[in-house]
Amino acid sequence: MKLRSVDNTIVALIGIWFIIAPWIAGYSDDKGALWTSVIVGAVQLIASLWAFSGSGWGSWQNWISLLAGVWFIVFPFVYTVESNVMWSSIILGAVTVLLNLITLSAKD
């Protein structure tokens, strides 16, 4: 299994987390945070699954997923969320960015 497959799998799982996080982490009452998390999480999931087909700096799927990771770093500062949600979002967003940068820089 290539490194990009592992990276994209982890990023896809993080996308799934962000889709279900509003209900598990308890911020589903904030409709803006809920729908932002679900939609951007779904975009991250789809882009990371689609990214299995390529790597390198020209892989637009990884760029979309990387931008989703950046959004999840910023997310807790846009919406008022509890401390555990804030750190979860920042850490998983940073992991998403890091893994996408690794995949982008990988050679096929």
PDB file of N, CA and C in Angstrom:
ATOM      1  N   MET A   1       0.848  -1.174   0.000  1.00  0.00           N
ATOM      2  CA  MET A   1       0.000   0.000   0.000  1.00  0.00           C
ATOM      3  C   MET A   1       0.894   1.238   0.000  1.00  0.00           C
ATOM      4  N   LYS A   2       0.651   2.126  -0.933  1.00  0.00           N
ATOM      5  CA  LYS A   2       1.456   3.331  -1.024  1.00  0.00           C
ATOM      6  C   LYS A   2       1.113   4.293   0.098  1.00  0.00           C
ATOM      7  N   LEU A   3       2.080   5.149   0.408  1.00  0.00           N
ATOM      8  CA  LEU A   3       1.892   6.135   1.468  1.00  0.00           C
ATOM      9  C   LEU A   3       0.686   7.012   1.200  1.00  0.00           C
ATOM     10  N   ARG A   4       0.466   7.402  -0.064  1.00  0.00           N
ATOM     11  CA  ARG A   4      -0.668   8.285  -0.354  1.00  0.00           C
ATOM     12  C   ARG A   4      -1.986   7.602  -0.058  1.00  0.00           C
ATOM     13  N   SER A   5      -2.062   6.259  -0.208  1.00  0.00           N
ATOM     14  CA  SER A   5      -3.284   5.537   0.131  1.00  0.00           C
ATOM     15  C   SER A   5      -3.561   5.606   1.626  1.00  0.00           C
ATOM     16  N   VAL A   6      -2.527   5.455   2.414  1.00  0.00           N
ATOM     17  CA  VAL A   6      -2.675   5.541   3.869  1.00  0.00           C
ATOM     18  C   VAL A   6      -3.079   6.957   4.256  1.00  0.00           C
ATOM     19  N   ASP A   7      -2.381   7.951   3.697  1.00  0.00           N
ATOM     20  CA  ASP A   7      -2.690   9.351   3.995  1.00  0.00           C
ATOM     21  C   ASP A   7      -4.130   9.689   3.619  1.00  0.00           C
ATOM     22  N   ASN A   8      -4.535   9.302   2.414  1.00  0.00           N
ATOM     23  CA  ASN A   8      -5.890   9.618   1.968  1.00  0.00           C
ATOM     24  C   ASN A   8      -6.944   8.886   2.785  1.00  0.00           C
ATOM     25  N   THR A   9      -6.635   7.683   3.239  1.00  0.00           N
ATOM     26  CA  THR A   9      -7.564   6.945   4.094  1.00  0.00           C
ATOM     27  C   THR A   9      -7.747   7.660   5.430  1.00  0.00           C
ATOM     28  N   ILE A  10      -6.645   8.105   6.020  1.00  0.00           N
ATOM     29  CA  ILE A  10      -6.733   8.823   7.296  1.00  0.00           C
ATOM     30  C   ILE A  10      -7.508  10.122   7.121  1.00  0.00           C
ATOM     31  N   VAL A  11      -7.239  10.854   6.049  1.00  0.00           N
ATOM     32  CA  VAL A  11      -7.945  12.113   5.804  1.00  0.00           C
ATOM     33  C   VAL A  11      -9.434  11.859   5.554  1.00  0.00           C
ATOM     34  N   ALA A  12      -9.764  10.764   4.870  1.00  0.00           N
ATOM     35  CA  ALA A  12     -11.172  10.413   4.667  1.00  0.00           C
ATOM     36  C   ALA A  12     -11.855  10.120   6.000  1.00  0.00           C
ATOM     37  N   LEU A  13     -11.166   9.403   6.885  1.00  0.00           N
ATOM     38  CA  LEU A  13     -11.727   9.117   8.215  1.00  0.00           C
ATOM     39  C   LEU A  13     -11.917  10.394   9.030  1.00  0.00           C
ATOM     40  N   ILE A  14     -10.994  11.329   8.895  1.00  0.00           N
ATOM     41  CA  ILE A  14     -11.153  12.618   9.572  1.00  0.00           C
ATOM     42  C   ILE A  14     -12.372  13.347   9.000  1.00  0.00           C
ATOM     43  N   GLY A  15     -12.580  13.262   7.694  1.00  0.00           N
ATOM     44  CA  GLY A  15     -13.765  13.854   7.079  1.00  0.00           C
ATOM     45  C   GLY A  15     -15.046  13.258   7.643  1.00  0.00           C
ATOM     46  N   ILE A  16     -15.053  11.943   7.834  1.00  0.00           N
ATOM     47  CA  ILE A  16     -16.219  11.284   8.444  1.00  0.00           C
ATOM     48  C   ILE A  16     -16.436  11.810   9.855  1.00  0.00           C
ATOM     49  N   TRP A  17     -15.342  11.976  10.611  1.00  0.00           N
ATOM     50  CA  TRP A  17     -15.464  12.519  11.967  1.00  0.00           C
ATOM     51  C   TRP A  17     -16.152  13.888  11.939  1.00  0.00           C
ATOM     52  N   PHE A  18     -15.726  14.759  11.019  1.00  0.00           N
ATOM     53  CA  PHE A  18     -16.314  16.098  10.979  1.00  0.00           C
ATOM     54  C   PHE A  18     -17.782  16.062  10.540  1.00  0.00           C
ATOM     55  N   ILE A  19     -18.175  15.051   9.800  1.00  0.00           N
ATOM     56  CA  ILE A  19     -19.587  14.914   9.422  1.00  0.00           C
ATOM     57  C   ILE A  19     -20.432  14.562  10.643  1.00  0.00           C
ATOM     58  N   ILE A  20     -19.938  13.676  11.497  1.00  0.00           N
ATOM     59  CA  ILE A  20     -20.728  13.218  12.646  1.00  0.00           C
ATOM     60  C   ILE A  20     -20.434  13.987  13.935  1.00  0.00           C
ATOM     61  N   ALA A  21     -19.378  14.791  13.952  1.00  0.00           N
ATOM     62  CA  ALA A  21     -18.948  15.500  15.161  1.00  0.00           C
ATOM     63  C   ALA A  21     -20.016  16.395  15.795  1.00  0.00           C
ATOM     64  N   PRO A  22     -20.850  17.089  15.024  1.00  0.00           N
ATOM     65  CA  PRO A  22     -21.824  17.964  15.692  1.00  0.00           C
ATOM     66  C   PRO A  22     -22.718  17.225  16.687  1.00  0.00           C
ATOM     67  N   TRP A  23     -23.079  15.996  16.393  1.00  0.00           N
ATOM     68  CA  TRP A  23     -23.950  15.231  17.283  1.00  0.00           C
ATOM     69  C   TRP A  23     -23.153  14.573  18.415  1.00  0.00           C
ATOM     70  N   ILE A  24     -21.950  14.118  18.117  1.00  0.00           N
ATOM     71  CA  ILE A  24     -21.141  13.449  19.134  1.00  0.00           C
ATOM     72  C   ILE A  24     -20.533  14.472  20.105  1.00  0.00           C
ATOM     73  N   ALA A  25     -20.045  15.587  19.567  1.00  0.00           N
ATOM     74  CA  ALA A  25     -19.385  16.594  20.403  1.00  0.00           C
ATOM     75  C   ALA A  25     -20.377  17.594  21.001  1.00  0.00           C
ATOM     76  N   GLY A  26     -21.638  17.542  20.576  1.00  0.00           N
ATOM     77  CA  GLY A  26     -22.671  18.342  21.208  1.00  0.00           C
ATOM     78  C   GLY A  26     -22.820  19.774  20.737  1.00  0.00           C
ATOM     79  N   TYR A  27     -22.523  20.053  19.476  1.00  0.00           N
ATOM     80  CA  TYR A  27     -22.772  21.405  18.984  1.00  0.00           C
ATOM     81  C   TYR A  27     -23.779  21.425  17.830  1.00  0.00           C
ATOM     82  N   SER A  28     -24.658  20.415  17.809  1.00  0.00           N
ATOM     83  CA  SER A  28     -25.678  20.351  16.757  1.00  0.00           C
ATOM     84  C   SER A  28     -26.752  21.423  16.917  1.00  0.00           C
ATOM     85  N   ASP A  29     -26.822  22.083  18.067  1.00  0.00           N
ATOM     86  CA  ASP A  29     -27.799  23.156  18.251  1.00  0.00           C
ATOM     87  C   ASP A  29     -27.381  24.449  17.556  1.00  0.00           C
ATOM     88  N   ASP A  30     -26.101  24.575  17.212  1.00  0.00           N
ATOM     89  CA  ASP A  30     -25.609  25.731  16.454  1.00  0.00           C
ATOM     90  C   ASP A  30     -25.671  25.359  14.973  1.00  0.00           C
ATOM     91  N   LYS A  31     -26.734  25.810  14.314  1.00  0.00           N
ATOM     92  CA  LYS A  31     -26.984  25.387  12.919  1.00  0.00           C
ATOM     93  C   LYS A  31     -25.847  25.761  11.971  1.00  0.00           C
ATOM     94  N   GLY A  32     -25.231  26.926  12.175  1.00  0.00           N
ATOM     95  CA  GLY A  32     -24.112  27.317  11.313  1.00  0.00           C
ATOM     96  C   GLY A  32     -22.940  26.370  11.462  1.00  0.00           C
ATOM     97  N   ALA A  33     -22.574  26.079  12.712  1.00  0.00           N
ATOM     98  CA  ALA A  33     -21.460  25.162  12.966  1.00  0.00           C
ATOM     99  C   ALA A  33     -21.797  23.758  12.484  1.00  0.00           C
ATOM    100  N   LEU A  34     -23.042  23.344  12.709  1.00  0.00           N
ATOM    101  CA  LEU A  34     -23.464  22.008  12.285  1.00  0.00           C
ATOM    102  C   LEU A  34     -23.321  21.841  10.783  1.00  0.00           C
ATOM    103  N   TRP A  35     -23.949  22.731  10.005  1.00  0.00           N
ATOM    104  CA  TRP A  35     -23.942  22.558   8.556  1.00  0.00           C
ATOM    105  C   TRP A  35     -22.569  22.806   7.952  1.00  0.00           C
ATOM    106  N   THR A  36     -21.810  23.704   8.528  1.00  0.00           N
ATOM    107  CA  THR A  36     -20.447  23.916   8.039  1.00  0.00           C
ATOM    108  C   THR A  36     -19.610  22.661   8.252  1.00  0.00           C
ATOM    109  N   SER A  37     -19.706  22.072   9.429  1.00  0.00           N
ATOM    110  CA  SER A  37     -18.953  20.861   9.726  1.00  0.00           C
ATOM    111  C   SER A  37     -19.364  19.711   8.809  1.00  0.00           C
ATOM    112  N   VAL A  38     -20.665  19.536   8.629  1.00  0.00           N
ATOM    113  CA  VAL A  38     -21.158  18.443   7.787  1.00  0.00           C
ATOM    114  C   VAL A  38     -20.749  18.643   6.329  1.00  0.00           C
ATOM    115  N   ILE A  39     -20.946  19.843   5.800  1.00  0.00           N
ATOM    116  CA  ILE A  39     -20.655  20.087   4.378  1.00  0.00           C
ATOM    117  C   ILE A  39     -19.157  20.035   4.089  1.00  0.00           C
ATOM    118  N   VAL A  40     -18.354  20.725   4.898  1.00  0.00           N
ATOM    119  CA  VAL A  40     -16.909  20.722   4.646  1.00  0.00           C
ATOM    120  C   VAL A  40     -16.323  19.341   4.946  1.00  0.00           C
ATOM    121  N   GLY A  41     -16.863  18.646   5.940  1.00  0.00           N
ATOM    122  CA  GLY A  41     -16.436  17.271   6.202  1.00  0.00           C
ATOM    123  C   GLY A  41     -16.739  16.353   5.025  1.00  0.00           C
ATOM    124  N   ALA A  42     -17.911  16.533   4.431  1.00  0.00           N
ATOM    125  CA  ALA A  42     -18.278  15.725   3.250  1.00  0.00           C
ATOM    126  C   ALA A  42     -17.380  16.049   2.063  1.00  0.00           C
ATOM    127  N   VAL A  43     -17.083  17.329   1.874  1.00  0.00           N
ATOM    128  CA  VAL A  43     -16.159  17.725   0.803  1.00  0.00           C
ATOM    129  C   VAL A  43     -14.785  17.091   1.035  1.00  0.00           C
ATOM    130  N   GLN A  44     -14.322  17.130   2.279  1.00  0.00           N
ATOM    131  CA  GLN A  44     -13.026  16.518   2.610  1.00  0.00           C
ATOM    132  C   GLN A  44     -13.064  15.013   2.347  1.00  0.00           C
ATOM    133  N   LEU A  45     -14.126  14.348   2.753  1.00  0.00           N
ATOM    134  CA  LEU A  45     -14.261  12.908   2.533  1.00  0.00           C
ATOM    135  C   LEU A  45     -14.238  12.583   1.044  1.00  0.00           C
ATOM    136  N   ILE A  46     -15.046  13.261   0.266  1.00  0.00           N
ATOM    137  CA  ILE A  46     -15.137  12.989  -1.175  1.00  0.00           C
ATOM    138  C   ILE A  46     -13.806  13.295  -1.865  1.00  0.00           C
ATOM    139  N   ALA A  47     -13.210  14.444  -1.544  1.00  0.00           N
ATOM    140  CA  ALA A  47     -11.940  14.822  -2.182  1.00  0.00           C
ATOM    141  C   ALA A  47     -10.834  13.835  -1.832  1.00  0.00           C
ATOM    142  N   SER A  48     -10.788  13.392  -0.582  1.00  0.00           N
ATOM    143  CA  SER A  48      -9.719  12.463  -0.198  1.00  0.00           C
ATOM    144  C   SER A  48      -9.919  11.091  -0.835  1.00  0.00           C
ATOM    145  N   LEU A  49     -11.160  10.660  -0.994  1.00  0.00           N
ATOM    146  CA  LEU A  49     -11.400   9.392  -1.690  1.00  0.00           C
ATOM    147  C   LEU A  49     -11.063   9.512  -3.170  1.00  0.00           C
ATOM    148  N   TRP A  50     -11.394  10.640  -3.755  1.00  0.00           N
ATOM    149  CA  TRP A  50     -11.095  10.886  -5.162  1.00  0.00           C
ATOM    150  C   TRP A  50      -9.586  11.020  -5.374  1.00  0.00           C
ATOM    151  N   ALA A  51      -8.864  11.440  -4.361  1.00  0.00           N
ATOM    152  CA  ALA A  51      -7.422  11.665  -4.469  1.00  0.00           C
ATOM    153  C   ALA A  51      -6.620  10.372  -4.560  1.00  0.00           C
ATOM    154  N   PHE A  52      -7.261   9.225  -4.365  1.00  0.00           N
ATOM    155  CA  PHE A  52      -6.547   7.960  -4.526  1.00  0.00           C
ATOM    156  C   PHE A  52      -6.003   7.812  -5.944  1.00  0.00           C
ATOM    157  N   SER A  53      -6.575   8.548  -6.891  1.00  0.00           N
ATOM    158  CA  SER A  53      -6.170   8.411  -8.288  1.00  0.00           C
ATOM    159  C   SER A  53      -4.885   9.167  -8.627  1.00  0.00           C
ATOM    160  N   GLY A  54      -4.382  10.004  -7.738  1.00  0.00           N
ATOM    161  CA  GLY A  54      -3.156  10.718  -8.084  1.00  0.00           C
ATOM    162  C   GLY A  54      -2.541  11.450  -6.913  1.00  0.00           C
ATOM    163  N   SER A  55      -1.298  11.848  -7.112  1.00  0.00           N
ATOM    164  CA  SER A  55      -0.593  12.647  -6.114  1.00  0.00           C
ATOM    165  C   SER A  55       0.260  13.652  -6.858  1.00  0.00           C
ATOM    166  N   GLY A  56       0.998  14.417  -6.126  1.00  0.00           N
ATOM    167  CA  GLY A  56       1.826  15.447  -6.737  1.00  0.00           C
ATOM    168  C   GLY A  56       1.131  16.794  -6.648  1.00  0.00           C
ATOM    169  N   TRP A  57       1.881  17.832  -6.963  1.00  0.00           N
ATOM    170  CA  TRP A  57       1.385  19.194  -6.800  1.00  0.00           C
ATOM    171  C   TRP A  57       0.220  19.500  -7.728  1.00  0.00           C
ATOM    172  N   GLY A  58       0.012  18.725  -8.765  1.00  0.00           N
ATOM    173  CA  GLY A  58      -1.099  18.942  -9.687  1.00  0.00           C
ATOM    174  C   GLY A  58      -2.379  18.235  -9.282  1.00  0.00           C
ATOM    175  N   SER A  59      -2.372  17.556  -8.166  1.00  0.00           N
ATOM    176  CA  SER A  59      -3.547  16.808  -7.703  1.00  0.00           C
ATOM    177  C   SER A  59      -4.536  17.764  -7.031  1.00  0.00           C
ATOM    178  N   TRP A  60      -5.510  18.223  -7.787  1.00  0.00           N
ATOM    179  CA  TRP A  60      -6.460  19.215  -7.252  1.00  0.00           C
ATOM    180  C   TRP A  60      -7.297  18.657  -6.103  1.00  0.00           C
ATOM    181  N   GLN A  61      -7.516  17.340  -6.096  1.00  0.00           N
ATOM    182  CA  GLN A  61      -8.295  16.733  -5.017  1.00  0.00           C
ATOM    183  C   GLN A  61      -7.599  16.942  -3.671  1.00  0.00           C
ATOM    184  N   ASN A  62      -6.278  16.794  -3.662  1.00  0.00           N
ATOM    185  CA  ASN A  62      -5.534  17.000  -2.426  1.00  0.00           C
ATOM    186  C   ASN A  62      -5.530  18.466  -2.009  1.00  0.00           C
ATOM    187  N   TRP A  63      -5.547  19.367  -2.978  1.00  0.00           N
ATOM    188  CA  TRP A  63      -5.626  20.790  -2.649  1.00  0.00           C
ATOM    189  C   TRP A  63      -6.967  21.114  -1.997  1.00  0.00           C
ATOM    190  N   ILE A  64      -8.047  20.538  -2.520  1.00  0.00           N
ATOM    191  CA  ILE A  64      -9.384  20.760  -1.927  1.00  0.00           C
ATOM    192  C   ILE A  64      -9.402  20.221  -0.503  1.00  0.00           C
ATOM    193  N   SER A  65      -8.876  19.031  -0.309  1.00  0.00           N
ATOM    194  CA  SER A  65      -8.833  18.435   1.021  1.00  0.00           C
ATOM    195  C   SER A  65      -7.946  19.250   1.962  1.00  0.00           C
ATOM    196  N   LEU A  66      -6.822  19.755   1.453  1.00  0.00           N
ATOM    197  CA  LEU A  66      -5.942  20.601   2.257  1.00  0.00           C
ATOM    198  C   LEU A  66      -6.681  21.864   2.706  1.00  0.00           C
ATOM    199  N   LEU A  67      -7.432  22.483   1.799  1.00  0.00           N
ATOM    200  CA  LEU A  67      -8.204  23.681   2.159  1.00  0.00           C
ATOM    201  C   LEU A  67      -9.275  23.364   3.197  1.00  0.00           C
ATOM    202  N   ALA A  68      -9.866  22.180   3.118  1.00  0.00           N
ATOM    203  CA  ALA A  68     -10.823  21.765   4.149  1.00  0.00           C
ATOM    204  C   ALA A  68     -10.121  21.672   5.501  1.00  0.00           C
ATOM    205  N   GLY A  69      -8.908  21.156   5.516  1.00  0.00           N
ATOM    206  CA  GLY A  69      -8.135  21.092   6.751  1.00  0.00           C
ATOM    207  C   GLY A  69      -7.836  22.466   7.314  1.00  0.00           C
ATOM    208  N   VAL A  70      -7.489  23.399   6.435  1.00  0.00           N
ATOM    209  CA  VAL A  70      -7.253  24.779   6.877  1.00  0.00           C
ATOM    210  C   VAL A  70      -8.534  25.348   7.476  1.00  0.00           C
ATOM    211  N   TRP A  71      -9.666  25.084   6.825  1.00  0.00           N
ATOM    212  CA  TRP A  71     -10.935  25.571   7.355  1.00  0.00           C
ATOM    213  C   TRP A  71     -11.189  25.027   8.763  1.00  0.00           C
ATOM    214  N   PHE A  72     -10.914  23.757   8.987  1.00  0.00           N
ATOM    215  CA  PHE A  72     -11.175  23.182  10.299  1.00  0.00           C
ATOM    216  C   PHE A  72     -10.208  23.705  11.371  1.00  0.00           C
ATOM    217  N   ILE A  73      -9.075  24.240  10.980  1.00  0.00           N
ATOM    218  CA  ILE A  73      -8.208  24.929  11.937  1.00  0.00           C
ATOM    219  C   ILE A  73      -8.845  26.263  12.330  1.00  0.00           C
ATOM    220  N   VAL A  74      -9.447  26.943  11.374  1.00  0.00           N
ATOM    221  CA  VAL A  74     -10.072  28.251  11.604  1.00  0.00           C
ATOM    222  C   VAL A  74     -11.456  28.116  12.238  1.00  0.00           C
ATOM    223  N   PHE A  75     -12.137  27.032  11.965  1.00  0.00           N
ATOM    224  CA  PHE A  75     -13.528  26.778  12.373  1.00  0.00           C
ATOM    225  C   PHE A  75     -13.861  27.176  13.810  1.00  0.00           C
ATOM    226  N   PRO A  76     -13.078  26.747  14.829  1.00  0.00           N
ATOM    227  CA  PRO A  76     -13.463  27.076  16.207  1.00  0.00           C
ATOM    228  C   PRO A  76     -13.363  28.563  16.539  1.00  0.00           C
ATOM    229  N   PHE A  77     -12.670  29.326  15.707  1.00  0.00           N
ATOM    230  CA  PHE A  77     -12.562  30.754  15.937  1.00  0.00           C
ATOM    231  C   PHE A  77     -13.693  31.528  15.263  1.00  0.00           C
ATOM    232  N   VAL A  78     -14.375  30.870  14.328  1.00  0.00           N
ATOM    233  CA  VAL A  78     -15.523  31.473  13.653  1.00  0.00           C
ATOM    234  C   VAL A  78     -16.797  31.187  14.435  1.00  0.00           C
ATOM    235  N   TYR A  79     -16.919  29.962  14.925  1.00  0.00           N
ATOM    236  CA  TYR A  79     -18.087  29.557  15.701  1.00  0.00           C
ATOM    237  C   TYR A  79     -17.684  29.387  17.161  1.00  0.00           C
ATOM    238  N   THR A  80     -18.591  29.713  18.035  1.00  0.00           N
ATOM    239  CA  THR A  80     -18.328  29.551  19.463  1.00  0.00           C
ATOM    240  C   THR A  80     -18.560  28.087  19.830  1.00  0.00           C
ATOM    241  N   VAL A  81     -17.477  27.395  20.110  1.00  0.00           N
ATOM    242  CA  VAL A  81     -17.565  25.980  20.471  1.00  0.00           C
ATOM    243  C   VAL A  81     -16.791  25.762  21.767  1.00  0.00           C
ATOM    244  N   GLU A  82     -17.068  24.641  22.399  1.00  0.00           N
ATOM    245  CA  GLU A  82     -16.389  24.315  23.652  1.00  0.00           C
ATOM    246  C   GLU A  82     -14.917  23.992  23.397  1.00  0.00           C
ATOM    247  N   SER A  83     -14.156  24.003  24.466  1.00  0.00           N
ATOM    248  CA  SER A  83     -12.709  23.796  24.386  1.00  0.00           C
ATOM    249  C   SER A  83     -12.341  22.458  23.734  1.00  0.00           C
ATOM    250  N   ASN A  84     -13.054  21.382  24.105  1.00  0.00           N
ATOM    251  CA  ASN A  84     -12.725  20.074  23.518  1.00  0.00           C
ATOM    252  C   ASN A  84     -12.974  20.048  22.016  1.00  0.00           C
ATOM    253  N   VAL A  85     -14.031  20.705  21.569  1.00  0.00           N
ATOM    254  CA  VAL A  85     -14.332  20.786  20.137  1.00  0.00           C
ATOM    255  C   VAL A  85     -13.277  21.643  19.438  1.00  0.00           C
ATOM    256  N   MET A  86     -12.881  22.727  20.082  1.00  0.00           N
ATOM    257  CA  MET A  86     -11.876  23.613  19.507  1.00  0.00           C
ATOM    258  C   MET A  86     -10.579  22.854  19.249  1.00  0.00           C
ATOM    259  N   TRP A  87     -10.073  22.153  20.275  1.00  0.00           N
ATOM    260  CA  TRP A  87      -8.805  21.449  20.119  1.00  0.00           C
ATOM    261  C   TRP A  87      -8.910  20.272  19.162  1.00  0.00           C
ATOM    262  N   SER A  88     -10.022  19.592  19.174  1.00  0.00           N
ATOM    263  CA  SER A  88     -10.239  18.493  18.232  1.00  0.00           C
ATOM    264  C   SER A  88     -10.187  19.009  16.802  1.00  0.00           C
ATOM    265  N   SER A  89     -10.865  20.118  16.554  1.00  0.00           N
ATOM    266  CA  SER A  89     -10.900  20.702  15.219  1.00  0.00           C
ATOM    267  C   SER A  89      -9.523  21.189  14.783  1.00  0.00           C
ATOM    268  N   ILE A  90      -8.821  21.869  15.667  1.00  0.00           N
ATOM    269  CA  ILE A  90      -7.491  22.389  15.318  1.00  0.00           C
ATOM    270  C   ILE A  90      -6.512  21.250  15.044  1.00  0.00           C
ATOM    271  N   ILE A  91      -6.493  20.258  15.903  1.00  0.00           N
ATOM    272  CA  ILE A  91      -5.540  19.151  15.744  1.00  0.00           C
ATOM    273  C   ILE A  91      -5.853  18.331  14.495  1.00  0.00           C
ATOM    274  N   LEU A  92      -7.123  17.962  14.312  1.00  0.00           N
ATOM    275  CA  LEU A  92      -7.466  17.163  13.131  1.00  0.00           C
ATOM    276  C   LEU A  92      -7.333  17.978  11.842  1.00  0.00           C
ATOM    277  N   GLY A  93      -7.600  19.268  11.898  1.00  0.00           N
ATOM    278  CA  GLY A  93      -7.367  20.128  10.737  1.00  0.00           C
ATOM    279  C   GLY A  93      -5.885  20.180  10.390  1.00  0.00           C
ATOM    280  N   ALA A  94      -5.030  20.299  11.406  1.00  0.00           N
ATOM    281  CA  ALA A  94      -3.582  20.331  11.174  1.00  0.00           C
ATOM    282  C   ALA A  94      -3.080  18.996  10.620  1.00  0.00           C
ATOM    283  N   VAL A  95      -3.603  17.890  11.135  1.00  0.00           N
ATOM    284  CA  VAL A  95      -3.229  16.567  10.618  1.00  0.00           C
ATOM    285  C   VAL A  95      -3.641  16.454   9.147  1.00  0.00           C
ATOM    286  N   THR A  96      -4.834  16.945   8.830  1.00  0.00           N
ATOM    287  CA  THR A  96      -5.309  16.933   7.443  1.00  0.00           C
ATOM    288  C   THR A  96      -4.375  17.730   6.543  1.00  0.00           C
ATOM    289  N   VAL A  97      -4.002  18.926   6.974  1.00  0.00           N
ATOM    290  CA  VAL A  97      -3.091  19.757   6.179  1.00  0.00           C
ATOM    291  C   VAL A  97      -1.756  19.049   6.000  1.00  0.00           C
ATOM    292  N   LEU A  98      -1.192  18.527   7.085  1.00  0.00           N
ATOM    293  CA  LEU A  98       0.106  17.861   7.029  1.00  0.00           C
ATOM    294  C   LEU A  98       0.076  16.647   6.093  1.00  0.00           C
ATOM    295  N   LEU A  99      -0.930  15.797   6.230  1.00  0.00           N
ATOM    296  CA  LEU A  99      -1.011  14.600   5.383  1.00  0.00           C
ATOM    297  C   LEU A  99      -1.203  14.959   3.915  1.00  0.00           C
ATOM    298  N   ASN A 100      -1.972  16.015   3.646  1.00  0.00           N
ATOM    299  CA  ASN A 100      -2.142  16.439   2.256  1.00  0.00           C
ATOM    300  C   ASN A 100      -0.877  17.032   1.684  1.00  0.00           C
ATOM    301  N   LEU A 101      -0.116  17.757   2.497  1.00  0.00           N
ATOM    302  CA  LEU A 101       1.172  18.272   2.016  1.00  0.00           C
ATOM    303  C   LEU A 101       2.135  17.124   1.708  1.00  0.00           C
ATOM    304  N   ILE A 102       2.116  16.085   2.530  1.00  0.00           N
ATOM    305  CA  ILE A 102       2.956  14.917   2.260  1.00  0.00           C
ATOM    306  C   ILE A 102       2.535  14.247   0.952  1.00  0.00           C
ATOM    307  N   THR A 103       1.234  14.093   0.763  1.00  0.00           N
ATOM    308  CA  THR A 103       0.732  13.467  -0.467  1.00  0.00           C
ATOM    309  C   THR A 103       1.011  14.342  -1.678  1.00  0.00           C
ATOM    310  N   LEU A 104       0.865  15.647  -1.541  1.00  0.00           N
ATOM    311  CA  LEU A 104       1.146  16.536  -2.649  1.00  0.00           C
ATOM    312  C   LEU A 104       2.615  16.482  -3.071  1.00  0.00           C
ATOM    313  N   SER A 105       3.482  16.317  -2.098  1.00  0.00           N
ATOM    314  CA  SER A 105       4.911  16.312  -2.420  1.00  0.00           C
ATOM    315  C   SER A 105       5.420  14.933  -2.843  1.00  0.00           C
ATOM    316  N   ALA A 106       4.573  13.912  -2.762  1.00  0.00           N
ATOM    317  CA  ALA A 106       4.987  12.547  -3.110  1.00  0.00           C
ATOM    318  C   ALA A 106       5.112  12.378  -4.629  1.00  0.00           C
ATOM    319  N   LYS A 107       6.032  11.547  -4.993  1.00  0.00           N
ATOM    320  CA  LYS A 107       6.191  11.155  -6.397  1.00  0.00           C
ATOM    321  C   LYS A 107       5.450   9.842  -6.619  1.00  0.00           C
ATOM    322  N   ASP A 108       4.821   9.698  -7.769  1.00  0.00           N
ATOM    323  CA  ASP A 108       4.109   8.438  -8.064  1.00  0.00           C
ATOM    324  C   ASP A 108       5.039   7.277  -8.192  1.00  0.00           C
TER     325      ASP A 108
END
